[in-house]
Amino acid sequence: MAGNPTVPAAPRVGVLALQGDFREHRQVLESLGADTVAVRRETDLAGIDGLVIPGGESTVIDKLSRAFGVADPIKAAISGGLPVYGTCAGLIMVADRILDGAATQQSFGGLDVSVRRNAFGSQTESFETALAIPVLGEHPMRAVFIRAPIVVETGPGVSVLASLVDGTIVAVEQANIIATSFHPEVTDDYRLHRYFLDRVRQRMLAR
């Protein structure tokens, strides 16, 4: 509604598009009313209201983001409070600590957690499960895990959104960052994307 300060315009959400399933995230976000932009360079970050970091290969995303000169601007945007949602490799990229990464692997950081890459084994050991996520309502969410990382340690400011039945942490939130081990963009349950867009709109209203 034009001119109504309580209703922000469609959020403009960047999706890091260096490698991985960025197209799927853009489709989901656009189906929910967001405008999306592929982020590959620093200039692509201008004017965005939120950022999604998709699944893929975290080592490749790390190398390409530094090669394209977008890693440090993303770190600064996260530190500045930009709402960010990381899935699978995206979780690794926003984690402050990677337990089994190569010596040269870097992350954008911002999320006070330690993560373990490929914690469930190879791609052939991928699986799906019904996952309870109380902030999304009573109905469990279909969660697809593909060479997924897990959160093995959380800092005091981190909220656990979901765990497997054995207690393994697979979804967390801290301030402006949401991160999940699994891939909601490959299912037809978009509640986590809506949850993220709610955070984006809250920040737009607070400006």
Protein backbone atom coordinates (compact mmCIF):
# COMPACT_ATOMS: atom_id res chain seq x y z
CA MET A 1 0.00 0.00 0.00
CA ALA A 2 1.82 3.07 -1.24
CA GLY A 3 2.42 5.75 1.34
CA ASN A 4 1.60 3.56 4.34
CA PRO A 5 4.75 3.53 6.53
CA THR A 6 3.63 0.35 8.32
CA VAL A 7 3.67 -1.73 5.13
CA PRO A 8 7.15 -1.99 3.58
CA ALA A 9 7.60 -2.50 -0.12
CA ALA A 10 8.50 -5.94 -1.39
CA PRO A 11 11.82 -6.84 0.23
CA ARG A 12 14.80 -6.94 -2.08
CA VAL A 13 16.71 -10.07 -1.14
CA GLY A 14 20.15 -10.97 -2.44
CA VAL A 15 21.04 -14.60 -3.02
CA LEU A 16 24.74 -15.41 -3.17
CA ALA A 17 25.09 -16.90 -6.64
CA LEU A 18 28.65 -18.12 -6.87
CA GLN A 19 27.89 -21.86 -6.63
CA GLY A 20 25.20 -24.18 -5.34
CA ASP A 21 21.40 -24.07 -5.37
CA PHE A 22 20.88 -20.32 -5.55
CA ARG A 23 18.27 -20.63 -8.31
CA GLU A 24 15.96 -22.66 -6.07
CA HIS A 25 16.16 -20.05 -3.31
CA ARG A 26 15.36 -17.24 -5.74
CA GLN A 27 12.30 -19.13 -6.98
CA VAL A 28 11.02 -19.68 -3.45
CA LEU A 29 11.62 -16.09 -2.35
CA GLU A 30 9.96 -14.67 -5.46
CA SER A 31 6.96 -16.97 -4.95
CA LEU A 32 6.64 -15.39 -1.51
CA GLY A 33 6.60 -11.84 -2.87
CA ALA A 34 10.24 -10.82 -2.59
CA ASP A 35 12.34 -9.27 -5.33
CA THR A 36 15.63 -11.11 -5.66
CA VAL A 37 19.05 -10.29 -7.03
CA ALA A 38 21.97 -12.60 -7.73
CA VAL A 39 24.96 -11.53 -5.65
CA ARG A 40 28.38 -12.15 -7.15
CA ARG A 41 30.20 -8.87 -6.56
CA GLU A 42 30.18 -6.10 -3.99
CA THR A 43 28.01 -3.86 -6.15
CA ASP A 44 25.24 -6.48 -6.09
CA LEU A 45 24.85 -5.92 -2.33
CA ALA A 46 23.69 -2.34 -2.81
CA GLY A 47 20.11 -1.81 -1.71
CA ILE A 48 19.34 -5.34 -0.57
CA ASP A 49 17.24 -5.89 2.56
CA GLY A 50 18.43 -9.44 3.27
CA LEU A 51 20.81 -12.09 2.00
CA VAL A 52 20.51 -15.85 1.49
CA ILE A 53 23.65 -17.98 1.37
CA PRO A 54 22.72 -21.27 -0.31
CA GLY A 55 23.92 -24.81 -0.04
CA GLY A 56 26.73 -26.09 -2.21
CA GLU A 57 30.41 -26.60 -1.49
CA SER A 58 31.54 -24.30 1.29
CA THR A 59 35.17 -24.52 0.19
CA VAL A 60 34.24 -23.39 -3.32
CA ILE A 61 31.94 -20.63 -2.07
CA ASP A 62 34.73 -19.42 0.21
CA LYS A 63 37.34 -19.33 -2.57
CA LEU A 64 35.06 -17.72 -5.14
CA SER A 65 33.73 -15.10 -2.73
CA ARG A 66 37.29 -13.99 -2.00
CA ALA A 67 38.28 -14.13 -5.66
CA PHE A 68 35.28 -11.98 -6.64
CA GLY A 69 35.96 -9.52 -3.82
CA VAL A 70 32.59 -10.01 -2.17
CA ALA A 71 33.68 -11.85 1.00
CA ASP A 72 34.71 -8.82 3.05
CA PRO A 73 31.65 -6.75 2.03
CA ILE A 74 29.41 -9.65 3.11
CA LYS A 75 31.22 -9.86 6.45
CA ALA A 76 30.66 -6.14 6.93
CA ALA A 77 26.97 -6.43 5.98
CA ILE A 78 26.44 -9.23 8.48
CA SER A 79 28.20 -7.24 11.19
CA GLY A 80 25.99 -4.29 10.29
CA GLY A 81 22.82 -6.26 11.00
CA LEU A 82 21.71 -7.35 7.52
CA PRO A 83 19.28 -10.29 7.90
CA VAL A 84 20.96 -13.43 6.58
CA TYR A 85 19.71 -16.97 6.06
CA GLY A 86 22.30 -19.71 5.46
CA THR A 87 21.37 -23.25 4.40
CA CYS A 88 23.75 -26.23 4.54
CA ALA A 89 27.01 -24.79 3.15
CA GLY A 90 25.49 -21.42 3.98
CA LEU A 91 25.44 -22.49 7.64
CA ILE A 92 29.16 -23.22 7.41
CA MET A 93 29.80 -19.85 5.77
CA VAL A 94 28.14 -17.87 8.59
CA ALA A 95 29.68 -19.96 11.40
CA ASP A 96 32.45 -18.41 13.45
CA ARG A 97 34.24 -21.76 13.78
CA ILE A 98 34.67 -24.65 11.28
CA LEU A 99 36.01 -27.69 13.08
CA ASP A 100 37.30 -29.78 10.19
CA GLY A 101 37.89 -27.32 7.39
CA ALA A 102 41.14 -26.96 5.49
CA ALA A 103 43.71 -24.69 7.10
CA THR A 104 43.00 -22.01 4.51
CA GLN A 105 39.19 -22.22 4.62
CA GLN A 106 37.45 -19.09 5.79
CA SER A 107 33.88 -18.18 6.60
CA PHE A 108 31.97 -14.91 6.66
CA GLY A 109 31.26 -15.53 10.35
CA GLY A 110 28.83 -13.70 12.58
CA LEU A 111 27.13 -16.76 14.07
CA ASP A 112 28.66 -17.86 17.37
CA VAL A 113 28.68 -21.60 16.66
CA SER A 114 31.11 -24.39 15.83
CA VAL A 115 30.11 -26.56 12.88
CA ARG A 116 31.27 -29.88 11.52
CA ARG A 117 31.16 -30.32 7.73
CA ASN A 118 29.64 -33.41 6.05
CA ALA A 119 28.67 -34.66 9.49
CA PHE A 120 26.31 -37.37 8.21
CA GLY A 121 28.71 -38.85 5.64
CA SER A 122 28.73 -38.84 1.86
CA GLN A 123 25.96 -37.76 -0.52
CA THR A 124 24.71 -41.36 -0.72
CA GLU A 125 23.85 -41.09 2.96
CA SER A 126 21.54 -38.13 2.42
CA PHE A 127 18.19 -38.46 4.12
CA GLU A 128 14.87 -36.82 4.87
CA THR A 129 13.05 -36.55 8.15
CA ALA A 130 10.08 -34.82 9.72
CA LEU A 131 11.53 -32.11 11.92
CA ALA A 132 9.77 -30.25 14.73
CA ILE A 133 10.48 -26.52 14.56
CA PRO A 134 8.33 -24.89 17.25
CA VAL A 135 8.73 -21.31 15.97
CA LEU A 136 7.04 -22.42 12.72
CA GLY A 137 4.01 -24.02 14.34
CA GLU A 138 2.87 -27.45 15.43
CA HIS A 139 3.29 -29.32 12.17
CA PRO A 140 6.72 -30.90 11.58
CA MET A 141 8.69 -29.72 8.58
CA ARG A 142 10.02 -32.01 5.85
CA ALA A 143 13.80 -31.58 6.15
CA VAL A 144 16.22 -32.77 3.45
CA PHE A 145 19.82 -33.34 4.53
CA ILE A 146 22.48 -33.58 1.78
CA ARG A 147 26.08 -33.90 2.98
CA ALA A 148 24.88 -31.68 5.78
CA PRO A 149 26.87 -29.97 8.50
CA ILE A 150 25.81 -29.97 12.13
CA VAL A 151 26.17 -27.48 14.92
CA VAL A 152 28.28 -28.99 17.70
CA GLU A 153 28.65 -25.96 19.95
CA THR A 154 26.63 -22.78 20.44
CA GLY A 155 27.53 -19.52 22.11
CA PRO A 156 25.31 -17.86 24.71
CA GLY A 157 23.49 -15.64 22.21
CA VAL A 158 22.40 -18.49 19.93
CA SER A 159 18.89 -19.95 20.01
CA VAL A 160 18.37 -23.54 18.87
CA LEU A 161 15.39 -23.70 16.50
CA ALA A 162 15.48 -27.44 15.82
CA SER A 163 17.32 -30.63 16.72
CA LEU A 164 17.11 -34.23 15.56
CA VAL A 165 15.68 -36.79 17.99
CA ASP A 166 19.21 -37.59 19.21
CA GLY A 167 19.79 -33.96 20.13
CA THR A 168 21.92 -33.04 17.12
CA ILE A 169 21.43 -29.32 16.45
CA VAL A 170 20.37 -28.58 12.87
CA ALA A 171 18.78 -25.11 12.98
CA VAL A 172 19.82 -22.01 14.91
CA GLU A 173 19.23 -18.29 15.11
CA GLN A 174 21.26 -15.42 16.50
CA ALA A 175 20.24 -11.78 16.13
CA ASN A 176 20.11 -11.16 12.35
CA ILE A 177 21.24 -14.66 11.31
CA ILE A 178 19.18 -17.82 10.71
CA ALA A 179 20.96 -21.01 9.65
CA THR A 180 19.89 -24.57 8.93
CA SER A 181 21.73 -27.79 8.12
CA PHE A 182 19.04 -28.82 5.66
CA HIS A 183 17.54 -27.61 2.37
CA PRO A 184 13.97 -26.25 2.63
CA GLU A 185 14.32 -24.77 -0.86
CA VAL A 186 14.05 -28.27 -2.41
CA THR A 187 10.73 -29.03 -0.69
CA ASP A 188 7.33 -27.39 -0.95
CA ASP A 189 7.39 -26.18 2.66
CA TYR A 190 8.51 -22.57 2.63
CA ARG A 191 7.86 -21.68 6.27
CA LEU A 192 11.53 -21.03 7.00
CA HIS A 193 11.78 -18.65 4.06
CA ARG A 194 8.65 -16.87 5.35
CA TYR A 195 10.22 -16.74 8.81
CA PHE A 196 13.32 -15.16 7.29
CA LEU A 197 11.29 -12.66 5.25
CA ASP A 198 9.44 -11.67 8.44
CA ARG A 199 12.82 -10.79 9.94
CA VAL A 200 13.70 -8.83 6.81
CA ARG A 201 10.43 -6.86 6.93
CA GLN A 202 10.86 -6.16 10.66
CA ARG A 203 14.22 -4.56 9.91
CA MET A 204 12.73 -2.57 7.04
CA LEU A 205 10.04 -1.21 9.38
CA ALA A 206 12.63 -0.32 12.01
CA ARG A 207 14.62 1.94 9.67
